[in-house]
């Protein structure tokens, strides 16, 4: 139950942040920096609650986010 809520909050937060980043899609390096700091912050906060279970989902979100930011910048 708790893990499902954790993953849904991560997913919703990720989608909202990508939506906000769409407004600033022409600033490629800034978006990369903000996205990396955001994922690192979520990793630190979530590590104390769930431990190693957070590493792979957050790594996947980081990789997906990098791909989305690259595509947004490429077609901006």
PDB file of N, CA and C in Angstrom:
ATOM      1  N   UNK A   1       0.829  -1.196   0.000  1.00  0.00           N
ATOM      2  CA  UNK A   1       0.000   0.000   0.000  1.00  0.00           C
ATOM      3  C   UNK A   1       0.872   1.257   0.000  1.00  0.00           C
ATOM      4  N   UNK A   2       1.852   1.284   0.899  1.00  0.00           N
ATOM      5  CA  UNK A   2       2.711   2.464   0.997  1.00  0.00           C
ATOM      6  C   UNK A   2       3.566   2.619  -0.253  1.00  0.00           C
ATOM      7  N   UNK A   3       4.030   1.507  -0.806  1.00  0.00           N
ATOM      8  CA  UNK A   3       4.874   1.591  -2.001  1.00  0.00           C
ATOM      9  C   UNK A   3       4.077   2.074  -3.207  1.00  0.00           C
ATOM     10  N   UNK A   4       2.825   1.647  -3.313  1.00  0.00           N
ATOM     11  CA  UNK A   4       1.984   2.129  -4.405  1.00  0.00           C
ATOM     12  C   UNK A   4       1.762   3.622  -4.324  1.00  0.00           C
ATOM     13  N   UNK A   5       1.542   4.117  -3.125  1.00  0.00           N
ATOM     14  CA  UNK A   5       1.360   5.553  -2.933  1.00  0.00           C
ATOM     15  C   UNK A   5       2.663   6.297  -3.238  1.00  0.00           C
ATOM     16  N   UNK A   6       3.783   5.716  -2.819  1.00  0.00           N
ATOM     17  CA  UNK A   6       5.091   6.322  -3.080  1.00  0.00           C
ATOM     18  C   UNK A   6       5.335   6.452  -4.579  1.00  0.00           C
ATOM     19  N   UNK A   7       5.097   5.375  -5.327  1.00  0.00           N
ATOM     20  CA  UNK A   7       5.343   5.410  -6.764  1.00  0.00           C
ATOM     21  C   UNK A   7       4.362   6.325  -7.484  1.00  0.00           C
ATOM     22  N   UNK A   8       3.121   6.411  -7.018  1.00  0.00           N
ATOM     23  CA  UNK A   8       2.162   7.308  -7.666  1.00  0.00           C
ATOM     24  C   UNK A   8       2.526   8.767  -7.408  1.00  0.00           C
ATOM     25  N   UNK A   9       2.992   9.080  -6.211  1.00  0.00           N
ATOM     26  CA  UNK A   9       3.428  10.456  -5.926  1.00  0.00           C
ATOM     27  C   UNK A   9       4.656  10.810  -6.770  1.00  0.00           C
ATOM     28  N   UNK A  10       5.586   9.866  -6.906  1.00  0.00           N
ATOM     29  CA  UNK A  10       6.751  10.104  -7.774  1.00  0.00           C
ATOM     30  C   UNK A  10       6.320  10.352  -9.211  1.00  0.00           C
ATOM     31  N   UNK A  11       5.413   9.531  -9.705  1.00  0.00           N
ATOM     32  CA  UNK A  11       4.953   9.671 -11.083  1.00  0.00           C
ATOM     33  C   UNK A  11       4.245  10.988 -11.334  1.00  0.00           C
ATOM     34  N   UNK A  12       3.357  11.366 -10.427  1.00  0.00           N
ATOM     35  CA  UNK A  12       2.626  12.624 -10.579  1.00  0.00           C
ATOM     36  C   UNK A  12       3.579  13.813 -10.483  1.00  0.00           C
ATOM     37  N   UNK A  13       4.503  13.760  -9.531  1.00  0.00           N
ATOM     38  CA  UNK A  13       5.492  14.834  -9.412  1.00  0.00           C
ATOM     39  C   UNK A  13       6.354  14.960 -10.650  1.00  0.00           C
ATOM     40  N   UNK A  14       6.727  13.822 -11.213  1.00  0.00           N
ATOM     41  CA  UNK A  14       7.539  13.823 -12.434  1.00  0.00           C
ATOM     42  C   UNK A  14       6.769  14.455 -13.592  1.00  0.00           C
ATOM     43  N   UNK A  15       5.516  14.074 -13.775  1.00  0.00           N
ATOM     44  CA  UNK A  15       4.719  14.622 -14.877  1.00  0.00           C
ATOM     45  C   UNK A  15       4.467  16.117 -14.706  1.00  0.00           C
ATOM     46  N   UNK A  16       4.218  16.558 -13.487  1.00  0.00           N
ATOM     47  CA  UNK A  16       4.012  17.990 -13.241  1.00  0.00           C
ATOM     48  C   UNK A  16       5.299  18.763 -13.533  1.00  0.00           C
ATOM     49  N   UNK A  17       6.438  18.219 -13.107  1.00  0.00           N
ATOM     50  CA  UNK A  17       7.700  18.928 -13.350  1.00  0.00           C
ATOM     51  C   UNK A  17       8.026  18.988 -14.840  1.00  0.00           C
ATOM     52  N   UNK A  18       7.723  17.928 -15.582  1.00  0.00           N
ATOM     53  CA  UNK A  18       7.945  17.966 -17.038  1.00  0.00           C
ATOM     54  C   UNK A  18       7.029  19.006 -17.682  1.00  0.00           C
ATOM     55  N   UNK A  19       5.793  19.111 -17.183  1.00  0.00           N
ATOM     56  CA  UNK A  19       4.879  20.132 -17.700  1.00  0.00           C
ATOM     57  C   UNK A  19       5.391  21.544 -17.464  1.00  0.00           C
ATOM     58  N   UNK A  20       5.961  21.779 -16.279  1.00  0.00           N
ATOM     59  CA  UNK A  20       6.522  23.093 -15.975  1.00  0.00           C
ATOM     60  C   UNK A  20       7.766  23.342 -16.822  1.00  0.00           C
ATOM     61  N   UNK A  21       8.574  22.312 -17.014  1.00  0.00           N
ATOM     62  CA  UNK A  21       9.796  22.464 -17.809  1.00  0.00           C
ATOM     63  C   UNK A  21       9.494  22.754 -19.276  1.00  0.00           C
ATOM     64  N   UNK A  22       8.295  22.398 -19.730  1.00  0.00           N
ATOM     65  CA  UNK A  22       7.908  22.684 -21.110  1.00  0.00           C
ATOM     66  C   UNK A  22       7.933  24.193 -21.369  1.00  0.00           C
ATOM     67  N   UNK A  23       7.607  24.982 -20.356  1.00  0.00           N
ATOM     68  CA  UNK A  23       7.598  26.435 -20.519  1.00  0.00           C
ATOM     69  C   UNK A  23       8.997  26.989 -20.762  1.00  0.00           C
ATOM     70  N   UNK A  24      10.019  26.310 -20.256  1.00  0.00           N
ATOM     71  CA  UNK A  24      11.392  26.772 -20.371  1.00  0.00           C
ATOM     72  C   UNK A  24      12.221  25.842 -21.256  1.00  0.00           C
ATOM     73  N   UNK A  25      11.596  25.271 -22.267  1.00  0.00           N
ATOM     74  CA  UNK A  25      12.240  24.226 -23.065  1.00  0.00           C
ATOM     75  C   UNK A  25      13.436  24.699 -23.871  1.00  0.00           C
ATOM     76  N   UNK A  26      13.584  25.996 -24.071  1.00  0.00           N
ATOM     77  CA  UNK A  26      14.722  26.470 -24.860  1.00  0.00           C
ATOM     78  C   UNK A  26      16.000  26.581 -24.025  1.00  0.00           C
ATOM     79  N   UNK A  27      15.910  26.473 -22.716  1.00  0.00           N
ATOM     80  CA  UNK A  27      17.075  26.552 -21.834  1.00  0.00           C
ATOM     81  C   UNK A  27      17.551  25.147 -21.483  1.00  0.00           C
ATOM     82  N   UNK A  28      18.251  24.516 -22.398  1.00  0.00           N
ATOM     83  CA  UNK A  28      18.614  23.102 -22.294  1.00  0.00           C
ATOM     84  C   UNK A  28      19.478  22.806 -21.074  1.00  0.00           C
ATOM     85  N   UNK A  29      20.568  23.527 -20.904  1.00  0.00           N
ATOM     86  CA  UNK A  29      21.489  23.238 -19.798  1.00  0.00           C
ATOM     87  C   UNK A  29      20.860  23.528 -18.446  1.00  0.00           C
ATOM     88  N   UNK A  30      20.052  24.561 -18.366  1.00  0.00           N
ATOM     89  CA  UNK A  30      19.358  24.861 -17.114  1.00  0.00           C
ATOM     90  C   UNK A  30      18.390  23.740 -16.748  1.00  0.00           C
ATOM     91  N   UNK A  31      17.658  23.224 -17.728  1.00  0.00           N
ATOM     92  CA  UNK A  31      16.716  22.137 -17.461  1.00  0.00           C
ATOM     93  C   UNK A  31      17.423  20.862 -17.032  1.00  0.00           C
ATOM     94  N   UNK A  32      18.558  20.567 -17.640  1.00  0.00           N
ATOM     95  CA  UNK A  32      19.335  19.387 -17.243  1.00  0.00           C
ATOM     96  C   UNK A  32      19.767  19.530 -15.785  1.00  0.00           C
ATOM     97  N   UNK A  33      20.270  20.707 -15.420  1.00  0.00           N
ATOM     98  CA  UNK A  33      20.717  20.948 -14.055  1.00  0.00           C
ATOM     99  C   UNK A  33      19.559  20.845 -13.065  1.00  0.00           C
ATOM    100  N   UNK A  34      18.446  21.491 -13.350  1.00  0.00           N
ATOM    101  CA  UNK A  34      17.288  21.460 -12.449  1.00  0.00           C
ATOM    102  C   UNK A  34      16.751  20.041 -12.310  1.00  0.00           C
ATOM    103  N   UNK A  35      16.663  19.318 -13.415  1.00  0.00           N
ATOM    104  CA  UNK A  35      16.141  17.954 -13.362  1.00  0.00           C
ATOM    105  C   UNK A  35      17.060  17.047 -12.537  1.00  0.00           C
ATOM    106  N   UNK A  36      18.357  17.182 -12.697  1.00  0.00           N
ATOM    107  CA  UNK A  36      19.293  16.359 -11.933  1.00  0.00           C
ATOM    108  C   UNK A  36      19.222  16.673 -10.440  1.00  0.00           C
ATOM    109  N   UNK A  37      19.133  17.952 -10.091  1.00  0.00           N
ATOM    110  CA  UNK A  37      19.008  18.339  -8.682  1.00  0.00           C
ATOM    111  C   UNK A  37      17.693  17.837  -8.103  1.00  0.00           C
ATOM    112  N   UNK A  38      16.632  17.914  -8.882  1.00  0.00           N
ATOM    113  CA  UNK A  38      15.325  17.434  -8.441  1.00  0.00           C
ATOM    114  C   UNK A  38      15.362  15.932  -8.132  1.00  0.00           C
ATOM    115  N   UNK A  39      15.954  15.144  -9.018  1.00  0.00           N
ATOM    116  CA  UNK A  39      16.033  13.697  -8.794  1.00  0.00           C
ATOM    117  C   UNK A  39      16.944  13.379  -7.613  1.00  0.00           C
ATOM    118  N   UNK A  40      18.059  14.100  -7.479  1.00  0.00           N
ATOM    119  CA  UNK A  40      18.936  13.886  -6.327  1.00  0.00           C
ATOM    120  C   UNK A  40      18.232  14.222  -5.012  1.00  0.00           C
ATOM    121  N   UNK A  41      17.447  15.283  -5.002  1.00  0.00           N
ATOM    122  CA  UNK A  41      16.695  15.645  -3.805  1.00  0.00           C
ATOM    123  C   UNK A  41      15.679  14.559  -3.459  1.00  0.00           C
ATOM    124  N   UNK A  42      14.947  14.069  -4.468  1.00  0.00           N
ATOM    125  CA  UNK A  42      13.989  12.988  -4.217  1.00  0.00           C
ATOM    126  C   UNK A  42      14.697  11.735  -3.718  1.00  0.00           C
ATOM    127  N   UNK A  43      15.901  11.465  -4.224  1.00  0.00           N
ATOM    128  CA  UNK A  43      16.654  10.293  -3.788  1.00  0.00           C
ATOM    129  C   UNK A  43      17.030  10.411  -2.318  1.00  0.00           C
ATOM    130  N   UNK A  44      17.527  11.564  -1.921  1.00  0.00           N
ATOM    131  CA  UNK A  44      17.919  11.757  -0.524  1.00  0.00           C
ATOM    132  C   UNK A  44      16.712  11.658   0.396  1.00  0.00           C
ATOM    133  N   UNK A  45      15.618  12.307   0.033  1.00  0.00           N
ATOM    134  CA  UNK A  45      14.423  12.276   0.874  1.00  0.00           C
ATOM    135  C   UNK A  45      13.845  10.865   0.950  1.00  0.00           C
ATOM    136  N   UNK A  46      13.784  10.177  -0.158  1.00  0.00           N
ATOM    137  CA  UNK A  46      13.168   8.855  -0.202  1.00  0.00           C
ATOM    138  C   UNK A  46      14.076   7.767   0.366  1.00  0.00           C
ATOM    139  N   UNK A  47      15.373   7.989   0.355  1.00  0.00           N
ATOM    140  CA  UNK A  47      16.304   6.974   0.835  1.00  0.00           C
ATOM    141  C   UNK A  47      16.043   6.649   2.296  1.00  0.00           C
ATOM    142  N   UNK A  48      15.758   7.663   3.096  1.00  0.00           N
ATOM    143  CA  UNK A  48      15.539   7.448   4.520  1.00  0.00           C
ATOM    144  C   UNK A  48      14.230   6.722   4.797  1.00  0.00           C
ATOM    145  N   UNK A  49      13.284   6.806   3.874  1.00  0.00           N
ATOM    146  CA  UNK A  49      12.001   6.143   4.072  1.00  0.00           C
ATOM    147  C   UNK A  49      12.018   4.701   3.550  1.00  0.00           C
ATOM    148  N   UNK A  50      12.555   4.487   2.347  1.00  0.00           N
ATOM    149  CA  UNK A  50      12.445   3.180   1.701  1.00  0.00           C
ATOM    150  C   UNK A  50      13.776   2.506   1.403  1.00  0.00           C
ATOM    151  N   UNK A  51      14.868   3.218   1.487  1.00  0.00           N
ATOM    152  CA  UNK A  51      16.174   2.619   1.271  1.00  0.00           C
ATOM    153  C   UNK A  51      16.456   2.336  -0.194  1.00  0.00           C
ATOM    154  N   UNK A  52      17.019   1.176  -0.450  1.00  0.00           N
ATOM    155  CA  UNK A  52      17.492   0.804  -1.784  1.00  0.00           C
ATOM    156  C   UNK A  52      16.371   0.661  -2.811  1.00  0.00           C
ATOM    157  N   UNK A  53      15.129   0.515  -2.360  1.00  0.00           N
ATOM    158  CA  UNK A  53      14.005   0.374  -3.295  1.00  0.00           C
ATOM    159  C   UNK A  53      13.801   1.614  -4.163  1.00  0.00           C
ATOM    160  N   UNK A  54      14.334   2.742  -3.740  1.00  0.00           N
ATOM    161  CA  UNK A  54      14.127   3.982  -4.493  1.00  0.00           C
ATOM    162  C   UNK A  54      15.157   4.191  -5.588  1.00  0.00           C
ATOM    163  N   UNK A  55      16.233   3.454  -5.555  1.00  0.00           N
ATOM    164  CA  UNK A  55      17.340   3.724  -6.476  1.00  0.00           C
ATOM    165  C   UNK A  55      16.966   3.477  -7.942  1.00  0.00           C
ATOM    166  N   UNK A  56      16.419   2.333  -8.249  1.00  0.00           N
ATOM    167  CA  UNK A  56      16.101   2.015  -9.654  1.00  0.00           C
ATOM    168  C   UNK A  56      14.964   2.878 -10.217  1.00  0.00           C
ATOM    169  N   UNK A  57      13.832   3.063  -9.482  1.00  0.00           N
ATOM    170  CA  UNK A  57      12.789   3.930 -10.052  1.00  0.00           C
ATOM    171  C   UNK A  57      13.253   5.365 -10.281  1.00  0.00           C
ATOM    172  N   UNK A  58      14.043   5.899  -9.369  1.00  0.00           N
ATOM    173  CA  UNK A  58      14.515   7.266  -9.558  1.00  0.00           C
ATOM    174  C   UNK A  58      15.552   7.356 -10.660  1.00  0.00           C
ATOM    175  N   UNK A  59      16.363   6.330 -10.823  1.00  0.00           N
ATOM    176  CA  UNK A  59      17.301   6.304 -11.946  1.00  0.00           C
ATOM    177  C   UNK A  59      16.539   6.247 -13.272  1.00  0.00           C
ATOM    178  N   UNK A  60      15.483   5.449 -13.306  1.00  0.00           N
ATOM    179  CA  UNK A  60      14.651   5.376 -14.517  1.00  0.00           C
ATOM    180  C   UNK A  60      13.993   6.725 -14.799  1.00  0.00           C
ATOM    181  N   UNK A  61      13.476   7.391 -13.771  1.00  0.00           N
ATOM    182  CA  UNK A  61      12.875   8.710 -13.967  1.00  0.00           C
ATOM    183  C   UNK A  61      13.904   9.716 -14.461  1.00  0.00           C
ATOM    184  N   UNK A  62      15.132   9.621 -13.957  1.00  0.00           N
ATOM    185  CA  UNK A  62      16.179  10.543 -14.402  1.00  0.00           C
ATOM    186  C   UNK A  62      16.484  10.337 -15.878  1.00  0.00           C
ATOM    187  N   UNK A  63      16.606   9.082 -16.302  1.00  0.00           N
ATOM    188  CA  UNK A  63      16.909   8.783 -17.703  1.00  0.00           C
ATOM    189  C   UNK A  63      15.759   9.203 -18.611  1.00  0.00           C
ATOM    190  N   UNK A  64      14.534   8.900 -18.208  1.00  0.00           N
ATOM    191  CA  UNK A  64      13.358   9.295 -19.008  1.00  0.00           C
ATOM    192  C   UNK A  64      13.279  10.813 -19.090  1.00  0.00           C
ATOM    193  N   UNK A  65      13.503  11.485 -17.966  1.00  0.00           N
ATOM    194  CA  UNK A  65      13.463  12.949 -17.959  1.00  0.00           C
ATOM    195  C   UNK A  65      14.515  13.562 -18.861  1.00  0.00           C
ATOM    196  N   UNK A  66      15.706  12.985 -18.862  1.00  0.00           N
ATOM    197  CA  UNK A  66      16.762  13.491 -19.749  1.00  0.00           C
ATOM    198  C   UNK A  66      16.348  13.338 -21.208  1.00  0.00           C
ATOM    199  N   UNK A  67      15.748  12.218 -21.544  1.00  0.00           N
ATOM    200  CA  UNK A  67      15.270  12.002 -22.909  1.00  0.00           C
ATOM    201  C   UNK A  67      14.186  12.980 -23.302  1.00  0.00           C
ATOM    202  N   UNK A  68      13.253  13.231 -22.395  1.00  0.00           N
ATOM    203  CA  UNK A  68      12.163  14.163 -22.673  1.00  0.00           C
ATOM    204  C   UNK A  68      12.698  15.586 -22.828  1.00  0.00           C
ATOM    205  N   UNK A  69      13.618  15.979 -21.957  1.00  0.00           N
ATOM    206  CA  UNK A  69      14.205  17.326 -22.062  1.00  0.00           C
ATOM    207  C   UNK A  69      14.964  17.455 -23.385  1.00  0.00           C
ATOM    208  N   UNK A  70      15.689  16.442 -23.773  1.00  0.00           N
ATOM    209  CA  UNK A  70      16.410  16.494 -25.051  1.00  0.00           C
ATOM    210  C   UNK A  70      15.428  16.641 -26.213  1.00  0.00           C
ATOM    211  N   UNK A  71      14.328  15.876 -26.191  1.00  0.00           N
ATOM    212  CA  UNK A  71      13.350  15.953 -27.275  1.00  0.00           C
ATOM    213  C   UNK A  71      12.645  17.307 -27.286  1.00  0.00           C
ATOM    214  N   UNK A  72      12.324  17.849 -26.116  1.00  0.00           N
ATOM    215  CA  UNK A  72      11.683  19.168 -26.051  1.00  0.00           C
ATOM    216  C   UNK A  72      12.618  20.229 -26.630  1.00  0.00           C
ATOM    217  N   UNK A  73      13.890  20.151 -26.290  1.00  0.00           N
ATOM    218  CA  UNK A  73      14.854  21.137 -26.780  1.00  0.00           C
ATOM    219  C   UNK A  73      15.101  20.980 -28.276  1.00  0.00           C
ATOM    220  N   UNK A  74      15.109  19.757 -28.731  1.00  0.00           N
ATOM    221  CA  UNK A  74      15.376  19.498 -30.146  1.00  0.00           C
ATOM    222  C   UNK A  74      14.270  20.046 -31.044  1.00  0.00           C
ATOM    223  N   UNK A  75      13.027  19.959 -30.569  1.00  0.00           N
ATOM    224  CA  UNK A  75      11.892  20.395 -31.391  1.00  0.00           C
ATOM    225  C   UNK A  75      11.324  21.739 -30.941  1.00  0.00           C
ATOM    226  N   UNK A  76      12.070  22.465 -30.113  1.00  0.00           N
ATOM    227  CA  UNK A  76      11.573  23.774 -29.637  1.00  0.00           C
ATOM    228  C   UNK A  76      11.707  24.825 -30.724  1.00  0.00           C
TER     229      UNK A  76
END
